[in-house]
Amino acid sequence: MNRVERLVDGSVPLRSWLENARGMTPAATAAAVFDRALDTVIRKSTGEPDPEPDG
């Protein structure tokens, strides 16, 4: 997953993995870790800027 940014079909392997892991994680605190990582991967893969920090 580190070497392949996108597959031929345009999908991002790390994003798929994180979405699957998130779906199998019932604990809220663990799910939050996957949610943050997924948000970062989505922003990086779509070119969205990082959100500005609060305060």
PDB file of N, CA and C in Angstrom:
ATOM      1  N   MET A   1       0.818  -1.194   0.000  1.00  0.00           N
ATOM      2  CA  MET A   1       0.000   0.000   0.000  1.00  0.00           C
ATOM      3  C   MET A   1       0.862   1.258   0.000  1.00  0.00           C
ATOM      4  N   ASN A   2       2.067   1.149   0.511  1.00  0.00           N
ATOM      5  CA  ASN A   2       2.948   2.312   0.538  1.00  0.00           C
ATOM      6  C   ASN A   2       3.490   2.662  -0.841  1.00  0.00           C
ATOM      7  N   ARG A   3       3.593   1.676  -1.704  1.00  0.00           N
ATOM      8  CA  ARG A   3       4.212   1.910  -3.010  1.00  0.00           C
ATOM      9  C   ARG A   3       3.208   2.231  -4.108  1.00  0.00           C
ATOM     10  N   VAL A   4       1.962   1.882  -3.900  1.00  0.00           N
ATOM     11  CA  VAL A   4       0.945   2.085  -4.941  1.00  0.00           C
ATOM     12  C   VAL A   4      -0.054   3.123  -4.448  1.00  0.00           C
ATOM     13  N   GLU A   5       0.018   4.310  -5.043  1.00  0.00           N
ATOM     14  CA  GLU A   5      -0.883   5.383  -4.623  1.00  0.00           C
ATOM     15  C   GLU A   5      -2.306   5.130  -5.107  1.00  0.00           C
ATOM     16  N   ARG A   6      -2.434   4.690  -6.365  1.00  0.00           N
ATOM     17  CA  ARG A   6      -3.751   4.408  -6.943  1.00  0.00           C
ATOM     18  C   ARG A   6      -3.671   3.156  -7.805  1.00  0.00           C
ATOM     19  N   LEU A   7      -4.774   2.426  -7.834  1.00  0.00           N
ATOM     20  CA  LEU A   7      -4.867   1.273  -8.711  1.00  0.00           C
ATOM     21  C   LEU A   7      -5.331   1.722 -10.086  1.00  0.00           C
ATOM     22  N   VAL A   8      -5.337   0.831 -11.035  1.00  0.00           N
ATOM     23  CA  VAL A   8      -5.740   1.154 -12.406  1.00  0.00           C
ATOM     24  C   VAL A   8      -7.156   1.723 -12.447  1.00  0.00           C
ATOM     25  N   ASP A   9      -8.024   1.238 -11.556  1.00  0.00           N
ATOM     26  CA  ASP A   9      -9.410   1.721 -11.542  1.00  0.00           C
ATOM     27  C   ASP A   9      -9.569   3.056 -10.822  1.00  0.00           C
ATOM     28  N   GLY A  10      -8.467   3.627 -10.319  1.00  0.00           N
ATOM     29  CA  GLY A  10      -8.499   4.925  -9.657  1.00  0.00           C
ATOM     30  C   GLY A  10      -8.687   4.853  -8.154  1.00  0.00           C
ATOM     31  N   SER A  11      -8.903   3.662  -7.625  1.00  0.00           N
ATOM     32  CA  SER A  11      -9.109   3.530  -6.178  1.00  0.00           C
ATOM     33  C   SER A  11      -7.774   3.645  -5.434  1.00  0.00           C
ATOM     34  N   VAL A  12      -7.868   4.055  -4.178  1.00  0.00           N
ATOM     35  CA  VAL A  12      -6.705   4.233  -3.319  1.00  0.00           C
ATOM     36  C   VAL A  12      -6.690   3.061  -2.330  1.00  0.00           C
ATOM     37  N   PRO A  13      -5.700   2.153  -2.443  1.00  0.00           N
ATOM     38  CA  PRO A  13      -5.688   0.958  -1.600  1.00  0.00           C
ATOM     39  C   PRO A  13      -5.751   1.245  -0.098  1.00  0.00           C
ATOM     40  N   LEU A  14      -5.025   2.233   0.380  1.00  0.00           N
ATOM     41  CA  LEU A  14      -5.035   2.536   1.807  1.00  0.00           C
ATOM     42  C   LEU A  14      -6.416   3.014   2.250  1.00  0.00           C
ATOM     43  N   ARG A  15      -7.073   3.780   1.412  1.00  0.00           N
ATOM     44  CA  ARG A  15      -8.432   4.229   1.729  1.00  0.00           C
ATOM     45  C   ARG A  15      -9.369   3.029   1.868  1.00  0.00           C
ATOM     46  N   SER A  16      -9.283   2.092   0.944  1.00  0.00           N
ATOM     47  CA  SER A  16     -10.126   0.892   1.006  1.00  0.00           C
ATOM     48  C   SER A  16      -9.849   0.105   2.285  1.00  0.00           C
ATOM     49  N   TRP A  17      -8.575  -0.049   2.618  1.00  0.00           N
ATOM     50  CA  TRP A  17      -8.213  -0.788   3.814  1.00  0.00           C
ATOM     51  C   TRP A  17      -8.771  -0.104   5.058  1.00  0.00           C
ATOM     52  N   LEU A  18      -8.600   1.214   5.148  1.00  0.00           N
ATOM     53  CA  LEU A  18      -9.089   1.947   6.316  1.00  0.00           C
ATOM     54  C   LEU A  18     -10.610   1.884   6.429  1.00  0.00           C
ATOM     55  N   GLU A  19     -11.311   1.988   5.300  1.00  0.00           N
ATOM     56  CA  GLU A  19     -12.770   1.888   5.328  1.00  0.00           C
ATOM     57  C   GLU A  19     -13.211   0.514   5.823  1.00  0.00           C
ATOM     58  N   ASN A  20     -12.538  -0.530   5.373  1.00  0.00           N
ATOM     59  CA  ASN A  20     -12.871  -1.881   5.825  1.00  0.00           C
ATOM     60  C   ASN A  20     -12.569  -2.053   7.316  1.00  0.00           C
ATOM     61  N   ALA A  21     -11.422  -1.564   7.757  1.00  0.00           N
ATOM     62  CA  ALA A  21     -11.049  -1.669   9.167  1.00  0.00           C
ATOM     63  C   ALA A  21     -12.032  -0.895  10.037  1.00  0.00           C
ATOM     64  N   ARG A  22     -12.420   0.276   9.571  1.00  0.00           N
ATOM     65  CA  ARG A  22     -13.392   1.098  10.326  1.00  0.00           C
ATOM     66  C   ARG A  22     -14.718   0.364  10.459  1.00  0.00           C
ATOM     67  N   GLY A  23     -15.147  -0.297   9.404  1.00  0.00           N
ATOM     68  CA  GLY A  23     -16.408  -1.020   9.432  1.00  0.00           C
ATOM     69  C   GLY A  23     -16.406  -2.214  10.368  1.00  0.00           C
ATOM     70  N   MET A  24     -15.236  -2.726  10.678  1.00  0.00           N
ATOM     71  CA  MET A  24     -15.130  -3.893  11.557  1.00  0.00           C
ATOM     72  C   MET A  24     -14.744  -3.525  12.983  1.00  0.00           C
ATOM     73  N   THR A  25     -14.693  -2.232  13.291  1.00  0.00           N
ATOM     74  CA  THR A  25     -14.253  -1.773  14.605  1.00  0.00           C
ATOM     75  C   THR A  25     -15.434  -1.221  15.395  1.00  0.00           C
ATOM     76  N   PRO A  26     -15.911  -1.969  16.390  1.00  0.00           N
ATOM     77  CA  PRO A  26     -17.068  -1.507  17.149  1.00  0.00           C
ATOM     78  C   PRO A  26     -16.745  -0.457  18.220  1.00  0.00           C
ATOM     79  N   ALA A  27     -15.532  -0.482  18.767  1.00  0.00           N
ATOM     80  CA  ALA A  27     -15.184   0.451  19.849  1.00  0.00           C
ATOM     81  C   ALA A  27     -15.027   1.873  19.315  1.00  0.00           C
ATOM     82  N   ALA A  28     -15.701   2.800  19.954  1.00  0.00           N
ATOM     83  CA  ALA A  28     -15.709   4.187  19.489  1.00  0.00           C
ATOM     84  C   ALA A  28     -14.321   4.814  19.469  1.00  0.00           C
ATOM     85  N   THR A  29     -13.507   4.557  20.485  1.00  0.00           N
ATOM     86  CA  THR A  29     -12.174   5.182  20.518  1.00  0.00           C
ATOM     87  C   THR A  29     -11.288   4.630  19.410  1.00  0.00           C
ATOM     88  N   ALA A  30     -11.359   3.339  19.145  1.00  0.00           N
ATOM     89  CA  ALA A  30     -10.570   2.761  18.060  1.00  0.00           C
ATOM     90  C   ALA A  30     -11.106   3.236  16.708  1.00  0.00           C
ATOM     91  N   ALA A  31     -12.407   3.323  16.572  1.00  0.00           N
ATOM     92  CA  ALA A  31     -13.003   3.787  15.325  1.00  0.00           C
ATOM     93  C   ALA A  31     -12.589   5.225  15.025  1.00  0.00           C
ATOM     94  N   ALA A  32     -12.452   6.031  16.063  1.00  0.00           N
ATOM     95  CA  ALA A  32     -12.036   7.430  15.881  1.00  0.00           C
ATOM     96  C   ALA A  32     -10.640   7.517  15.277  1.00  0.00           C
ATOM     97  N   VAL A  33      -9.762   6.593  15.634  1.00  0.00           N
ATOM     98  CA  VAL A  33      -8.411   6.565  15.065  1.00  0.00           C
ATOM     99  C   VAL A  33      -8.491   6.288  13.565  1.00  0.00           C
ATOM    100  N   PHE A  34      -9.308   5.307  13.180  1.00  0.00           N
ATOM    101  CA  PHE A  34      -9.482   5.010  11.757  1.00  0.00           C
ATOM    102  C   PHE A  34     -10.132   6.183  11.034  1.00  0.00           C
ATOM    103  N   ASP A  35     -11.103   6.831  11.678  1.00  0.00           N
ATOM    104  CA  ASP A  35     -11.766   7.984  11.054  1.00  0.00           C
ATOM    105  C   ASP A  35     -10.775   9.104  10.750  1.00  0.00           C
ATOM    106  N   ARG A  36      -9.892   9.397  11.700  1.00  0.00           N
ATOM    107  CA  ARG A  36      -8.894  10.458  11.479  1.00  0.00           C
ATOM    108  C   ARG A  36      -7.930  10.084  10.359  1.00  0.00           C
ATOM    109  N   ALA A  37      -7.480   8.843  10.369  1.00  0.00           N
ATOM    110  CA  ALA A  37      -6.563   8.399   9.315  1.00  0.00           C
ATOM    111  C   ALA A  37      -7.255   8.415   7.960  1.00  0.00           C
ATOM    112  N   LEU A  38      -8.500   7.973   7.925  1.00  0.00           N
ATOM    113  CA  LEU A  38      -9.260   7.969   6.677  1.00  0.00           C
ATOM    114  C   LEU A  38      -9.458   9.383   6.158  1.00  0.00           C
ATOM    115  N   ASP A  39      -9.749  10.310   7.046  1.00  0.00           N
ATOM    116  CA  ASP A  39      -9.909  11.708   6.652  1.00  0.00           C
ATOM    117  C   ASP A  39      -8.622  12.245   6.024  1.00  0.00           C
ATOM    118  N   THR A  40      -7.490  11.925   6.624  1.00  0.00           N
ATOM    119  CA  THR A  40      -6.196  12.369   6.090  1.00  0.00           C
ATOM    120  C   THR A  40      -5.939  11.778   4.707  1.00  0.00           C
ATOM    121  N   VAL A  41      -6.181  10.485   4.553  1.00  0.00           N
ATOM    122  CA  VAL A  41      -5.944   9.828   3.267  1.00  0.00           C
ATOM    123  C   VAL A  41      -6.866  10.406   2.187  1.00  0.00           C
ATOM    124  N   ILE A  42      -8.120  10.635   2.525  1.00  0.00           N
ATOM    125  CA  ILE A  42      -9.064  11.205   1.550  1.00  0.00           C
ATOM    126  C   ILE A  42      -8.610  12.602   1.123  1.00  0.00           C
ATOM    127  N   ARG A  43      -8.231  13.434   2.107  1.00  0.00           N
ATOM    128  CA  ARG A  43      -7.787  14.786   1.763  1.00  0.00           C
ATOM    129  C   ARG A  43      -6.540  14.770   0.888  1.00  0.00           C
ATOM    130  N   LYS A  44      -5.592  13.910   1.223  1.00  0.00           N
ATOM    131  CA  LYS A  44      -4.353  13.841   0.432  1.00  0.00           C
ATOM    132  C   LYS A  44      -4.627  13.322  -0.977  1.00  0.00           C
ATOM    133  N   SER A  45      -5.490  12.323  -1.104  1.00  0.00           N
ATOM    134  CA  SER A  45      -5.730  11.717  -2.413  1.00  0.00           C
ATOM    135  C   SER A  45      -6.597  12.585  -3.315  1.00  0.00           C
ATOM    136  N   THR A  46      -7.378  13.501  -2.726  1.00  0.00           N
ATOM    137  CA  THR A  46      -8.213  14.384  -3.542  1.00  0.00           C
ATOM    138  C   THR A  46      -7.603  15.768  -3.725  1.00  0.00           C
ATOM    139  N   GLY A  47      -6.519  16.051  -2.984  1.00  0.00           N
ATOM    140  CA  GLY A  47      -5.864  17.347  -3.103  1.00  0.00           C
ATOM    141  C   GLY A  47      -6.485  18.427  -2.233  1.00  0.00           C
ATOM    142  N   GLU A  48      -7.377  18.032  -1.325  1.00  0.00           N
ATOM    143  CA  GLU A  48      -7.980  18.998  -0.420  1.00  0.00           C
ATOM    144  C   GLU A  48      -6.930  19.515   0.548  1.00  0.00           C
ATOM    145  N   PRO A  49      -6.990  20.781   0.896  1.00  0.00           N
ATOM    146  CA  PRO A  49      -6.030  21.301   1.888  1.00  0.00           C
ATOM    147  C   PRO A  49      -6.379  20.797   3.279  1.00  0.00           C
ATOM    148  N   ASP A  50      -5.382  20.778   4.165  1.00  0.00           N
ATOM    149  CA  ASP A  50      -5.627  20.413   5.549  1.00  0.00           C
ATOM    150  C   ASP A  50      -6.485  21.495   6.190  1.00  0.00           C
ATOM    151  N   PRO A  51      -7.379  21.107   7.103  1.00  0.00           N
ATOM    152  CA  PRO A  51      -8.187  22.136   7.780  1.00  0.00           C
ATOM    153  C   PRO A  51      -7.286  22.995   8.664  1.00  0.00           C
ATOM    154  N   GLU A  52      -7.691  24.246   8.819  1.00  0.00           N
ATOM    155  CA  GLU A  52      -6.917  25.130   9.673  1.00  0.00           C
ATOM    156  C   GLU A  52      -7.184  24.772  11.123  1.00  0.00           C
ATOM    157  N   PRO A  53      -6.133  24.798  11.947  1.00  0.00           N
ATOM    158  CA  PRO A  53      -6.341  24.453  13.364  1.00  0.00           C
ATOM    159  C   PRO A  53      -7.233  25.465  14.066  1.00  0.00           C
ATOM    160  N   ASP A  54      -8.009  24.986  15.017  1.00  0.00           N
ATOM    161  CA  ASP A  54      -8.866  25.870  15.817  1.00  0.00           C
ATOM    162  C   ASP A  54      -8.009  26.623  16.824  1.00  0.00           C
ATOM    163  N   GLY A  55      -8.295  27.907  16.959  1.00  0.00           N
ATOM    164  CA  GLY A  55      -7.661  28.706  17.989  1.00  0.00           C
ATOM    165  C   GLY A  55      -6.322  29.092  17.683  1.00  0.00           C
TER     166      GLY A  55
END
